Amino acid sequence: MSSSERLILLGSHATSIHSVIFDPVKRTLKRGISTENLPKQPSWLIKHPLHPELIFSNGWVDNKLFIYRLSSSEGKLEKLAEADTGGEGPTHFAILPDGSEVVVAHYRSGSVSVIPLKPDGLFAASSPTPDRIYKGNYSAMKHWRQESAHMHQVVLHKGEILVPDLGSNKIYRYKWIPESQKLNLLAEITEGLQDGDGPRHLVVHPSGSHVYVLNEVAGALTVHTLPPSGDSKLVKRYSMLPPNDDGRRRETGGAEIILLPPTKPDGRHLLITSNRDSPNEEDTLALFSVSQIDGGDVQRTEEGWLGGVGKHLRAVEQDPTGKFVLVAARDTGRVVIFERAGEDGLKLEEVTRLEGLESVVVPLWI
């Protein structure tokens, strides 16, 4: 690889982790190495915070977590270890900043587990003990997608662990206590979340003042305060769907949410959410701008929505600089890279695209 090229790993709903190589200078995107014949649905990927050559992936069907070593600049992966996650359908996970634990959210069992890690980054146990497996407070909901708890994401923020539960229609605020080796429940965010919303993923304003929640089932963005203690309050609610999509003829809705930094000192953040499985010809990204100073100041951008990628938009992620965004259409088999554009960086312009990468659901910029 040249000095300007960037490696990106792509998790999938198949049995492969693909890699692509992006050159921002030549504005090209090409295939790297695909690691084949993996356990089914390696659908989330992260790097270890202290050992970036270690790549963690789930096996959604087998209820396992795997550790691979990135052994080449073209994306070759070497399996090092595996562990049972203590739940069903491990969907999302994050490693604590000190590298001591990996926290796993499970969609099917609606639980969170905490698996210890060794200083070298590998598993310290082959599975979590029962006291490291946590169930939320679920009560019956009306919507058919909320027939049980569905923990969907793990977000680390200033010592807290935020976990949206699509099935319970709430967001849990946990804290890991190293001394007692326990996950303590601090609070639940519920205000402003309506029956049938289904909170899936979230991001937090850099100041920590507000949290932005992508509600999958309703196709809605909700903005909430995030006080150090006490109840969170609903600030705003937006539909993520474009005007020609009323959301009534879709099985799934929103998928991913990311918050990009301003492109100039007095600029605004760009908040991007993705829609999927629209009854229209293609799915869309919904675009919002957010104040640096007031996290509750959220507005639709002038553009509002962006299409042209394909069907079942699920993989959306920014590069470490916040300048580029990769979006993949799982069912179309297309990966597109956009660049921040416009005077305030609140627009996206296509840089390059690559076809023939079916089932991609998550990107990891290396």
Protein backbone atom coordinates (compact mmCIF):
# COMPACT_ATOMS: atom_id res chain seq x y z
CA MET A 1 0.00 0.00 0.00
CA SER A 2 1.10 3.54 -0.69
CA SER A 3 1.44 6.11 2.09
CA SER A 4 -1.85 7.75 1.10
CA GLU A 5 -3.95 4.57 1.06
CA ARG A 6 -6.33 3.61 3.89
CA LEU A 7 -7.47 0.10 4.75
CA ILE A 8 -11.13 -0.50 5.62
CA LEU A 9 -12.52 -3.80 6.93
CA LEU A 10 -16.13 -4.69 6.13
CA GLY A 11 -18.22 -7.00 8.30
CA SER A 12 -21.08 -8.85 6.63
CA HIS A 13 -24.27 -10.84 6.97
CA ALA A 14 -22.54 -13.73 5.21
CA THR A 15 -19.45 -15.67 6.36
CA SER A 16 -16.77 -13.20 5.26
CA ILE A 17 -14.93 -10.12 6.42
CA HIS A 18 -13.92 -8.15 3.35
CA SER A 19 -11.36 -5.40 3.04
CA VAL A 20 -11.17 -2.47 0.67
CA ILE A 21 -8.39 0.06 0.12
CA PHE A 22 -9.24 3.74 -0.28
CA ASP A 23 -6.82 6.26 -1.77
CA PRO A 24 -8.05 9.81 -1.03
CA VAL A 25 -5.36 11.30 -3.29
CA LYS A 26 -6.18 9.22 -6.38
CA ARG A 27 -9.84 9.05 -5.24
CA THR A 28 -10.04 5.33 -5.84
CA LEU A 29 -11.49 2.36 -3.99
CA LYS A 30 -10.34 -1.19 -4.66
CA ARG A 31 -10.75 -4.62 -3.10
CA GLY A 32 -8.19 -5.99 -0.68
CA ILE A 33 -8.26 -9.45 0.92
CA SER A 34 -11.46 -11.19 2.02
CA THR A 35 -11.28 -13.59 4.97
CA GLU A 36 -13.71 -16.36 4.04
CA ASN A 37 -15.50 -19.28 5.76
CA LEU A 38 -15.95 -17.49 9.07
CA PRO A 39 -18.78 -18.20 11.53
CA LYS A 40 -22.08 -16.78 10.26
CA GLN A 41 -22.72 -13.05 10.35
CA PRO A 42 -19.54 -11.29 11.49
CA SER A 43 -21.71 -8.16 11.59
CA TRP A 44 -19.77 -5.87 13.97
CA LEU A 45 -16.03 -5.10 14.08
CA ILE A 46 -13.90 -3.06 16.50
CA LYS A 47 -10.20 -2.55 17.22
CA HIS A 48 -8.71 -3.09 20.65
CA PRO A 49 -7.98 0.39 22.12
CA LEU A 50 -4.46 -0.59 23.28
CA HIS A 51 -3.61 -3.27 20.71
CA PRO A 52 -4.94 -1.90 17.39
CA GLU A 53 -3.69 -4.94 15.48
CA LEU A 54 -6.34 -7.01 17.32
CA ILE A 55 -9.74 -7.02 15.60
CA PHE A 56 -12.81 -8.20 17.51
CA SER A 57 -15.76 -9.67 15.58
CA ASN A 58 -18.99 -11.33 16.57
CA GLY A 59 -20.48 -14.58 15.36
CA TRP A 60 -24.13 -13.52 15.59
CA VAL A 61 -25.55 -16.98 14.92
CA ASP A 62 -23.09 -18.95 17.08
CA ASN A 63 -23.28 -16.54 20.06
CA LYS A 64 -19.53 -16.04 20.11
CA LEU A 65 -16.92 -13.31 20.03
CA PHE A 66 -13.71 -13.76 18.04
CA ILE A 67 -10.32 -12.06 18.10
CA TYR A 68 -8.26 -11.80 14.91
CA ARG A 69 -4.81 -10.37 14.28
CA LEU A 70 -4.55 -8.01 11.34
CA SER A 71 -1.49 -9.51 9.69
CA SER A 72 -1.17 -7.57 6.44
CA SER A 73 -1.77 -4.08 5.08
CA GLU A 74 -4.26 -5.58 2.58
CA GLY A 75 -6.59 -6.85 5.32
CA LYS A 76 -5.54 -10.46 5.99
CA LEU A 77 -6.92 -11.71 9.33
CA GLU A 78 -5.53 -14.51 11.51
CA LYS A 79 -7.82 -15.99 14.15
CA LEU A 80 -6.34 -15.94 17.66
CA ALA A 81 -9.15 -16.70 20.13
CA GLU A 82 -12.87 -17.10 20.70
CA ALA A 83 -15.28 -16.91 23.64
CA ASP A 84 -18.95 -17.56 24.30
CA THR A 85 -20.77 -14.29 24.96
CA GLY A 86 -23.27 -15.57 27.52
CA GLY A 87 -26.29 -14.49 25.45
CA GLU A 88 -28.05 -14.96 22.12
CA GLY A 89 -27.45 -12.80 19.09
CA PRO A 90 -24.37 -10.75 20.11
CA THR A 91 -24.98 -7.61 18.07
CA HIS A 92 -22.66 -4.85 19.28
CA PHE A 93 -19.78 -4.54 21.73
CA ALA A 94 -17.16 -2.13 23.05
CA ILE A 95 -13.92 -2.48 25.01
CA LEU A 96 -13.36 -0.32 28.08
CA PRO A 97 -10.62 2.29 27.54
CA ASP A 98 -8.18 0.49 29.89
CA GLY A 99 -8.64 -2.73 27.90
CA SER A 100 -9.85 -4.71 30.92
CA GLU A 101 -13.34 -5.74 29.74
CA VAL A 102 -15.42 -6.12 26.61
CA VAL A 103 -19.12 -5.30 27.03
CA VAL A 104 -21.52 -7.14 24.68
CA ALA A 105 -25.15 -6.29 23.80
CA HIS A 106 -27.38 -9.18 22.68
CA TYR A 107 -30.39 -8.70 20.43
CA ARG A 108 -32.09 -12.07 20.80
CA SER A 109 -31.65 -12.63 24.54
CA GLY A 110 -32.01 -8.94 25.38
CA SER A 111 -29.02 -9.01 27.70
CA VAL A 112 -25.64 -7.40 28.31
CA SER A 113 -22.56 -9.39 29.30
CA VAL A 114 -19.08 -8.35 30.43
CA ILE A 115 -16.12 -10.56 29.44
CA PRO A 116 -12.70 -9.98 31.04
CA LEU A 117 -9.62 -9.42 28.89
CA LYS A 118 -5.93 -9.97 29.64
CA PRO A 119 -3.27 -7.26 29.32
CA ASP A 120 -2.26 -8.74 25.96
CA GLY A 121 -5.79 -8.11 24.67
CA LEU A 122 -6.95 -11.73 24.55
CA PHE A 123 -9.83 -13.24 26.54
CA ALA A 124 -9.22 -13.89 30.23
CA ALA A 125 -12.19 -16.28 30.32
CA SER A 126 -13.91 -18.52 27.77
CA SER A 127 -17.32 -17.10 28.75
CA PRO A 128 -18.78 -14.62 31.24
CA THR A 129 -19.79 -15.97 34.63
CA PRO A 130 -23.53 -15.69 35.48
CA ASP A 131 -22.92 -12.63 37.67
CA ARG A 132 -21.51 -10.83 34.61
CA ILE A 133 -24.74 -11.24 32.59
CA TYR A 134 -27.41 -8.52 32.97
CA LYS A 135 -31.06 -8.37 31.94
CA GLY A 136 -32.91 -5.08 31.61
CA ASN A 137 -36.33 -4.12 32.91
CA TYR A 138 -38.68 -5.26 30.14
CA SER A 139 -42.45 -4.92 30.24
CA ALA A 140 -44.90 -5.85 27.50
CA MET A 141 -45.04 -3.52 24.49
CA LYS A 142 -47.66 -3.30 21.72
CA HIS A 143 -45.47 -3.27 18.62
CA TRP A 144 -44.57 -6.67 17.14
CA ARG A 145 -40.86 -5.77 17.02
CA GLN A 146 -41.00 -5.16 20.77
CA GLU A 147 -42.23 -8.57 21.88
CA SER A 148 -39.16 -8.89 24.10
CA ALA A 149 -36.03 -6.98 25.11
CA HIS A 150 -33.51 -6.34 22.31
CA MET A 151 -30.25 -4.76 23.53
CA HIS A 152 -28.71 -3.23 20.43
CA GLN A 153 -25.56 -1.18 21.10
CA VAL A 154 -22.84 -0.38 23.63
CA VAL A 155 -21.62 3.25 23.78
CA LEU A 156 -18.88 4.35 26.19
CA HIS A 157 -19.14 7.91 27.49
CA LYS A 158 -17.19 9.46 30.37
CA GLY A 159 -17.20 6.33 32.50
CA GLU A 160 -20.76 5.39 31.60
CA ILE A 161 -22.00 2.58 29.36
CA LEU A 162 -25.10 3.53 27.37
CA VAL A 163 -27.19 0.67 25.98
CA PRO A 164 -30.29 1.30 23.82
CA ASP A 165 -32.92 -1.44 24.11
CA LEU A 166 -35.09 -1.58 20.99
CA GLY A 167 -37.56 -4.00 22.58
CA SER A 168 -37.97 -2.22 25.93
CA ASN A 169 -38.15 1.24 24.33
CA LYS A 170 -35.55 2.69 26.67
CA ILE A 171 -31.85 3.45 27.03
CA TYR A 172 -29.93 2.12 30.02
CA ARG A 173 -27.16 4.11 31.69
CA TYR A 174 -24.73 1.65 33.30
CA LYS A 175 -21.37 2.04 35.03
CA TRP A 176 -18.76 -0.71 35.44
CA ILE A 177 -17.36 -0.86 38.96
CA PRO A 178 -13.90 -2.51 38.82
CA GLU A 179 -13.64 -3.00 42.58
CA SER A 180 -16.82 -5.09 42.79
CA GLN A 181 -16.67 -6.38 39.20
CA LYS A 182 -20.30 -5.35 38.78
CA LEU A 183 -22.32 -3.42 36.20
CA ASN A 184 -24.43 -0.87 38.08
CA LEU A 185 -27.60 0.61 36.61
CA LEU A 186 -27.51 4.39 37.04
CA ALA A 187 -30.67 5.45 35.20
CA GLU A 188 -33.06 4.73 32.34
CA ILE A 189 -33.87 7.19 29.55
CA THR A 190 -37.54 6.83 28.66
CA GLU A 191 -39.10 10.31 28.30
CA GLY A 192 -40.16 11.07 24.75
CA LEU A 193 -39.78 7.48 23.50
CA GLN A 194 -43.16 6.40 22.15
CA ASP A 195 -44.59 2.90 21.73
CA GLY A 196 -43.13 1.50 18.54
CA ASP A 197 -40.05 3.77 18.46
CA GLY A 198 -37.40 1.08 19.01
CA PRO A 199 -34.17 2.88 20.02
CA ARG A 200 -31.37 1.12 18.13
CA HIS A 201 -28.21 3.27 18.10
CA LEU A 202 -27.13 6.58 19.61
CA VAL A 203 -24.34 9.14 19.73
CA VAL A 204 -23.47 11.68 22.42
CA HIS A 205 -22.64 15.36 21.87
CA PRO A 206 -18.91 16.02 22.56
CA SER A 207 -19.87 18.20 25.52
CA GLY A 208 -21.84 15.32 27.02
CA SER A 209 -24.93 17.51 27.33
CA HIS A 210 -27.22 15.67 24.91
CA VAL A 211 -27.75 12.28 23.35
CA TYR A 212 -29.10 11.66 19.83
CA VAL A 213 -31.11 8.45 19.41
CA LEU A 214 -31.91 6.64 16.17
CA ASN A 215 -35.25 4.88 16.61
CA GLU A 216 -35.27 2.02 14.13
CA VAL A 217 -38.92 1.02 14.06
CA ALA A 218 -40.44 4.51 13.87
CA GLY A 219 -37.73 5.97 11.62
CA ALA A 220 -37.37 8.86 14.08
CA LEU A 221 -34.49 10.85 15.56
CA THR A 222 -34.99 11.92 19.18
CA VAL A 223 -32.79 14.40 21.05
CA HIS A 224 -32.53 14.09 24.84
CA THR A 225 -30.64 15.88 27.60
CA LEU A 226 -27.97 13.79 29.34
CA PRO A 227 -27.52 15.24 32.85
CA PRO A 228 -24.84 13.79 35.17
CA SER A 229 -27.71 12.72 37.44
CA GLY A 230 -31.47 12.92 37.34
CA ASP A 231 -33.92 12.32 34.50
CA SER A 232 -33.15 12.92 30.84
CA LYS A 233 -35.64 15.14 29.02
CA LEU A 234 -36.84 15.03 25.42
CA VAL A 235 -35.73 18.14 23.51
CA LYS A 236 -36.70 17.47 19.90
CA ARG A 237 -38.11 14.79 17.64
CA TYR A 238 -37.61 14.52 13.87
CA SER A 239 -38.75 12.05 11.24
CA MET A 240 -35.75 10.60 9.41
CA LEU A 241 -37.91 9.69 6.42
CA PRO A 242 -38.02 11.88 3.30
CA PRO A 243 -41.37 13.48 2.38
CA ASN A 244 -42.26 10.77 -0.15
CA ASP A 245 -41.82 7.92 2.38
CA ASP A 246 -44.49 7.68 5.08
CA GLY A 247 -42.90 4.59 6.64
CA ARG A 248 -46.01 2.44 6.60
CA ARG A 249 -44.79 -0.16 4.11
CA ARG A 250 -41.41 -1.16 5.50
CA GLU A 251 -40.25 -3.99 7.74
CA THR A 252 -37.22 -2.18 9.13
CA GLY A 253 -36.30 1.47 9.34
CA GLY A 254 -33.28 3.39 10.64
CA ALA A 255 -29.95 1.59 10.97
CA GLU A 256 -26.99 3.82 11.86
CA ILE A 257 -26.20 7.24 13.30
CA ILE A 258 -22.87 9.13 13.34
CA LEU A 259 -21.80 12.62 14.41
CA LEU A 260 -19.02 14.31 12.42
CA PRO A 261 -16.87 17.18 13.73
CA PRO A 262 -17.15 20.73 12.35
CA THR A 263 -14.93 21.54 9.38
CA LYS A 264 -14.13 25.06 10.63
CA PRO A 265 -13.71 26.63 14.09
CA ASP A 266 -17.15 28.24 14.16
CA GLY A 267 -18.88 25.49 12.18
CA ARG A 268 -21.51 22.94 13.11
CA HIS A 269 -21.40 19.18 13.51
CA LEU A 270 -22.94 17.01 10.77
CA LEU A 271 -25.29 14.35 12.15
CA ILE A 272 -26.08 11.51 9.72
CA THR A 273 -28.73 8.83 10.12
CA SER A 274 -29.52 6.07 7.64
CA ASN A 275 -32.90 4.77 6.46
CA ARG A 276 -33.30 1.28 5.04
CA ASP A 277 -35.86 -0.90 3.28
CA SER A 278 -37.86 2.04 1.98
CA PRO A 279 -40.85 1.19 -0.26
CA ASN A 280 -39.30 3.66 -2.69
CA GLU A 281 -36.67 2.84 -5.28
CA GLU A 282 -33.76 3.62 -2.98
CA ASP A 283 -32.98 4.31 0.67
CA THR A 284 -31.68 7.62 1.98
CA LEU A 285 -29.35 9.24 4.47
CA ALA A 286 -30.98 11.93 6.62
CA LEU A 287 -28.74 14.95 7.33
CA PHE A 288 -28.88 17.24 10.37
CA SER A 289 -26.59 19.96 11.72
CA VAL A 290 -25.77 20.35 15.42
CA SER A 291 -24.33 23.34 17.28
CA GLN A 292 -20.91 22.99 18.90
CA ILE A 293 -22.09 25.02 21.88
CA ASP A 294 -25.72 24.00 22.39
CA GLY A 295 -26.22 20.27 21.95
CA GLY A 296 -29.97 20.76 21.84
CA ASP A 297 -29.69 22.96 18.74
CA VAL A 298 -30.38 20.38 16.02
CA GLN A 299 -31.64 21.36 12.57
CA ARG A 300 -32.23 19.68 9.26
CA THR A 301 -29.59 20.69 6.73
CA GLU A 302 -30.63 22.57 3.63
CA GLU A 303 -30.13 19.36 1.64
CA GLY A 304 -32.07 17.28 4.17
CA TRP A 305 -31.64 13.84 2.58
CA LEU A 306 -29.20 12.08 0.28
CA GLY A 307 -29.85 9.05 -1.90
CA GLY A 308 -28.04 7.27 -4.68
CA VAL A 309 -26.31 4.50 -2.71
CA GLY A 310 -28.84 1.68 -3.03
CA LYS A 311 -31.03 -0.58 -0.91
CA HIS A 312 -30.73 -1.55 2.76
CA LEU A 313 -28.33 1.13 3.92
CA ARG A 314 -26.77 -0.25 7.08
CA ALA A 315 -23.02 0.39 7.07
CA VAL A 316 -22.24 4.07 7.75
CA GLU A 317 -18.98 5.23 9.34
CA GLN A 318 -16.60 8.18 9.24
CA ASP A 319 -12.85 7.98 8.89
CA PRO A 320 -10.76 9.13 11.89
CA THR A 321 -10.47 12.65 10.47
CA GLY A 322 -14.22 13.11 10.03
CA LYS A 323 -13.60 14.15 6.42
CA PHE A 324 -14.82 11.00 4.66
CA VAL A 325 -17.86 8.76 5.20
CA LEU A 326 -18.29 5.20 3.93
CA VAL A 327 -21.85 4.00 3.24
CA ALA A 328 -22.75 0.51 2.04
CA ALA A 329 -25.99 -0.80 0.56
CA ARG A 330 -26.18 -4.41 1.73
CA ASP A 331 -28.71 -5.64 -0.80
CA THR A 332 -27.32 -3.67 -3.75
CA GLY A 333 -23.76 -4.84 -3.13
CA ARG A 334 -22.35 -1.33 -3.35
CA VAL A 335 -19.91 0.66 -1.22
CA VAL A 336 -19.70 4.45 -1.64
CA ILE A 337 -17.30 6.92 -0.04
CA PHE A 338 -18.42 10.53 0.40
CA GLU A 339 -16.44 13.64 1.29
CA ARG A 340 -17.60 16.57 3.41
CA ALA A 341 -18.45 19.47 1.12
CA GLY A 342 -19.97 22.94 1.13
CA GLU A 343 -18.86 26.05 2.98
CA ASP A 344 -19.79 24.54 6.35
CA GLY A 345 -19.06 20.87 5.55
CA LEU A 346 -22.75 20.03 5.90
CA LYS A 347 -23.05 18.43 2.47
CA LEU A 348 -21.74 15.12 1.15
CA GLU A 349 -20.21 14.65 -2.31
CA GLU A 350 -19.40 11.24 -3.74
CA VAL A 351 -15.70 10.46 -4.13
CA THR A 352 -15.75 6.88 -5.40
CA ARG A 353 -17.75 3.67 -5.32
CA LEU A 354 -17.20 -0.09 -5.62
CA GLU A 355 -19.68 -2.75 -6.75
CA GLY A 356 -19.92 -6.47 -5.96
CA LEU A 357 -19.64 -6.41 -2.15
CA GLU A 358 -22.93 -8.02 -1.13
CA SER A 359 -24.05 -8.37 2.49
CA VAL A 360 -21.83 -5.58 3.90
CA VAL A 361 -23.27 -4.25 7.17
CA VAL A 362 -20.41 -2.56 9.04
CA PRO A 363 -17.19 -0.71 8.10
CA LEU A 364 -14.10 -0.38 10.29
CA TRP A 365 -11.55 2.23 9.19
CA ILE A 366 -8.03 1.00 10.00
